[in-house]
Amino acid sequence: MIRLFTALEIPDEVAEKLIPLQRGLEGARWIERSDFHITLRFIGDVPEDIADDIDEALSDIPVYPFEVELEGLGEFGGKHPHTLYAGVKPSDPLTILQGRHESAMRRVGLKPETRNFTPHVTIARLGRVETGAVYDFIRANSPFAAPSFTVERFTLFSAKASTGGGPYVAEKYYPDFGWVNESED
């Protein structure tokens, strides 16, 4: 079994805007910079042979360059916040790409995702952080925005079977341009 998800990677210039947020909230478990991403589709634990089918389905998804912009901070969990995140400005290209991932996973035979797509970058897991402290943190760090960036590919990641799942491993990029041997002229 392998735990998989698809996502967009966060470029360094955007990550540099997220990192300063990662302080001042006692008890938060901050996400490593290398694990910042925007999840397109959580796939979950699948057998290796299904992973091959997933790879094939993902290979058929076209990717056309589009802009993504982070804006705002939020939490998941309501009265009992468990995740702190930077929001992603809604865009049609992002919604379309995510929908293609959902359709591809259904064709492979996976159950539909039951949660609404809320694009975001998780910056902390909150565990036992007090609710008031979370909302105070969001207010103190708002408004938040980061430079837009161009998406030209998405990534299939694997994760450890644990809470939080990181560190994540990039298994494959789509579109797959193949290996480039830079030593050849």
Protein backbone atom coordinates (compact mmCIF):
# COMPACT_ATOMS: atom_id res chain seq x y z
CA MET A 1 0.00 0.00 0.00
CA ILE A 2 1.07 3.52 -0.75
CA ARG A 3 -0.59 6.78 0.39
CA LEU A 4 -0.92 9.24 -2.49
CA PHE A 5 -2.22 12.70 -3.31
CA THR A 6 -1.87 15.15 -6.17
CA ALA A 7 -0.85 18.75 -5.61
CA LEU A 8 0.73 21.92 -6.89
CA GLU A 9 4.15 22.74 -5.51
CA ILE A 10 4.83 26.12 -3.92
CA PRO A 11 7.77 28.05 -5.44
CA ASP A 12 10.47 29.49 -3.20
CA GLU A 13 9.43 33.14 -3.60
CA VAL A 14 5.95 32.29 -2.31
CA ALA A 15 7.23 29.99 0.45
CA GLU A 16 9.38 32.89 1.67
CA LYS A 17 6.15 34.82 2.39
CA LEU A 18 4.69 31.87 4.35
CA ILE A 19 7.68 31.11 6.56
CA PRO A 20 7.53 34.37 8.61
CA LEU A 21 3.98 33.43 9.62
CA GLN A 22 5.27 30.32 11.37
CA ARG A 23 5.74 31.76 14.85
CA GLY A 24 3.70 33.29 17.62
CA LEU A 25 1.13 30.53 18.05
CA GLU A 26 2.12 28.38 21.00
CA GLY A 27 1.45 24.69 20.52
CA ALA A 28 1.19 24.85 16.71
CA ARG A 29 3.04 22.18 14.75
CA TRP A 30 4.50 24.15 11.83
CA ILE A 31 4.70 22.53 8.41
CA GLU A 32 8.17 22.20 6.87
CA ARG A 33 8.82 24.51 3.91
CA SER A 34 9.50 21.49 1.68
CA ASP A 35 5.99 20.17 2.45
CA PHE A 36 4.06 23.31 1.39
CA HIS A 37 1.63 22.45 -1.40
CA ILE A 38 -1.92 22.98 -2.71
CA THR A 39 -3.72 19.64 -2.69
CA LEU A 40 -5.71 18.88 -5.81
CA ARG A 41 -6.94 15.39 -4.83
CA PHE A 42 -6.22 13.28 -1.76
CA ILE A 43 -6.13 9.73 -3.05
CA GLY A 44 -5.32 7.81 0.12
CA ASP A 45 -3.86 4.34 0.65
CA VAL A 46 -3.90 2.25 -2.52
CA PRO A 47 -2.25 -1.00 -3.65
CA GLU A 48 0.75 -0.66 -5.97
CA ASP A 49 -1.18 -1.95 -9.02
CA ILE A 50 -3.84 0.74 -8.51
CA ALA A 51 -1.02 3.31 -8.25
CA ASP A 52 -0.03 2.32 -11.79
CA ASP A 53 -3.61 2.93 -12.97
CA ILE A 54 -3.59 6.29 -11.17
CA ASP A 55 -0.36 7.26 -12.92
CA GLU A 56 -1.87 6.38 -16.29
CA ALA A 57 -5.03 8.39 -15.58
CA LEU A 58 -3.03 11.41 -14.40
CA SER A 59 -0.87 11.26 -17.53
CA ASP A 60 -3.99 11.99 -19.60
CA ILE A 61 -4.79 15.26 -17.79
CA PRO A 62 -3.80 18.29 -19.86
CA VAL A 63 -2.04 21.15 -18.08
CA TYR A 64 -2.25 24.64 -19.48
CA PRO A 65 -0.21 27.33 -17.67
CA PHE A 66 -2.24 29.52 -15.30
CA GLU A 67 -1.66 31.89 -12.40
CA VAL A 68 -2.21 31.06 -8.73
CA GLU A 69 -2.27 33.62 -5.95
CA LEU A 70 -2.35 33.10 -2.18
CA GLU A 71 -4.50 35.48 -0.18
CA GLY A 72 -5.90 35.44 3.33
CA LEU A 73 -5.47 33.16 6.31
CA GLY A 74 -8.01 30.73 7.70
CA GLU A 75 -8.59 27.62 9.74
CA PHE A 76 -10.36 24.33 9.38
CA GLY A 77 -12.32 23.00 12.33
CA GLY A 78 -14.55 25.93 13.33
CA LYS A 79 -15.05 25.85 17.11
CA HIS A 80 -12.17 23.39 17.39
CA PRO A 81 -9.59 24.54 14.82
CA HIS A 82 -7.13 21.83 13.79
CA THR A 83 -5.44 23.37 10.73
CA LEU A 84 -4.12 26.86 9.96
CA TYR A 85 -3.79 27.73 6.28
CA ALA A 86 -3.08 30.39 3.69
CA GLY A 87 -5.97 30.63 1.26
CA VAL A 88 -5.76 30.42 -2.52
CA LYS A 89 -7.59 33.01 -4.59
CA PRO A 90 -10.33 31.20 -6.54
CA SER A 91 -9.73 30.76 -10.26
CA ASP A 92 -11.47 28.87 -13.05
CA PRO A 93 -8.28 27.16 -14.30
CA LEU A 94 -7.54 25.80 -10.81
CA THR A 95 -11.12 24.57 -10.36
CA ILE A 96 -11.05 22.92 -13.79
CA LEU A 97 -7.73 21.19 -13.07
CA GLN A 98 -9.01 19.90 -9.72
CA GLY A 99 -12.18 18.65 -11.39
CA ARG A 100 -10.11 16.73 -13.93
CA HIS A 101 -8.24 15.06 -11.06
CA GLU A 102 -11.51 14.08 -9.41
CA SER A 103 -12.86 12.65 -12.68
CA ALA A 104 -9.64 10.73 -13.33
CA MET A 105 -9.71 9.14 -9.87
CA ARG A 106 -13.35 8.09 -10.31
CA ARG A 107 -12.46 6.46 -13.65
CA VAL A 108 -9.77 4.48 -11.82
CA GLY A 109 -12.48 3.29 -9.44
CA LEU A 110 -11.85 5.43 -6.37
CA LYS A 111 -14.72 6.76 -4.30
CA PRO A 112 -15.69 10.40 -4.92
CA GLU A 113 -14.17 13.05 -2.67
CA THR A 114 -16.88 14.11 -0.25
CA ARG A 115 -15.31 17.39 0.90
CA ASN A 116 -15.72 20.58 -1.11
CA PHE A 117 -12.54 21.75 -2.81
CA THR A 118 -11.07 24.56 -0.72
CA PRO A 119 -7.66 25.35 -2.21
CA HIS A 120 -5.15 26.25 0.48
CA VAL A 121 -1.60 25.79 1.75
CA THR A 122 -1.45 24.26 5.23
CA ILE A 123 1.02 26.17 7.39
CA ALA A 124 0.35 24.50 10.76
CA ARG A 125 -1.46 21.67 12.51
CA LEU A 126 -3.06 23.01 15.66
CA GLY A 127 -3.72 20.10 18.00
CA ARG A 128 -4.39 21.67 21.39
CA VAL A 129 -4.04 25.34 20.46
CA GLU A 130 -6.80 27.42 22.05
CA THR A 131 -9.50 28.62 19.65
CA GLY A 132 -9.18 32.26 20.71
CA ALA A 133 -5.43 32.20 20.09
CA VAL A 134 -6.00 30.88 16.55
CA TYR A 135 -8.42 33.69 15.69
CA ASP A 136 -6.14 36.28 17.32
CA PHE A 137 -3.26 34.97 15.19
CA ILE A 138 -5.31 35.21 12.00
CA ARG A 139 -6.38 38.78 12.80
CA ALA A 140 -2.84 39.83 13.73
CA ASN A 141 -1.43 38.49 10.44
CA SER A 142 -4.15 39.78 8.13
CA PRO A 143 -4.37 40.83 5.45
CA PHE A 144 -2.03 38.22 3.96
CA ALA A 145 -1.03 37.97 0.32
CA ALA A 146 1.84 36.48 -1.64
CA PRO A 147 3.04 37.03 -5.20
CA SER A 148 1.20 35.10 -7.88
CA PHE A 149 3.01 32.26 -9.59
CA THR A 150 2.55 30.32 -12.79
CA VAL A 151 1.50 26.69 -12.61
CA GLU A 152 2.82 24.56 -15.46
CA ARG A 153 2.65 21.11 -13.88
CA PHE A 154 1.22 19.13 -11.00
CA THR A 155 2.82 16.45 -8.85
CA LEU A 156 1.88 13.01 -7.54
CA PHE A 157 3.14 12.79 -3.97
CA SER A 158 3.42 9.92 -1.53
CA ALA A 159 3.06 10.42 2.19
CA LYS A 160 3.79 8.53 5.38
CA ALA A 161 0.78 6.87 7.00
CA SER A 162 0.67 9.27 9.96
CA THR A 163 -1.06 12.41 11.15
CA GLY A 164 0.19 15.21 8.94
CA GLY A 165 1.81 12.73 6.57
CA GLY A 166 5.06 14.58 5.95
CA PRO A 167 7.68 14.52 4.77
CA TYR A 168 6.13 14.15 1.35
CA VAL A 169 7.93 12.58 -1.60
CA ALA A 170 7.38 13.76 -5.18
CA GLU A 171 6.78 10.53 -7.08
CA LYS A 172 6.10 11.97 -10.53
CA TYR A 173 5.46 15.27 -12.32
CA TYR A 174 2.77 15.84 -14.94
CA PRO A 175 3.22 16.55 -17.70
CA ASP A 176 6.25 14.26 -17.64
CA PHE A 177 8.90 15.80 -19.86
CA GLY A 178 11.25 12.90 -19.22
CA TRP A 179 14.78 13.06 -17.91
CA VAL A 180 17.04 15.79 -19.19
CA ASN A 181 20.75 14.99 -19.25
CA GLU A 182 22.34 18.40 -18.74
CA SER A 183 25.84 17.07 -19.41
CA GLU A 184 25.04 16.42 -23.07
CA ASP A 185 25.50 19.20 -25.61
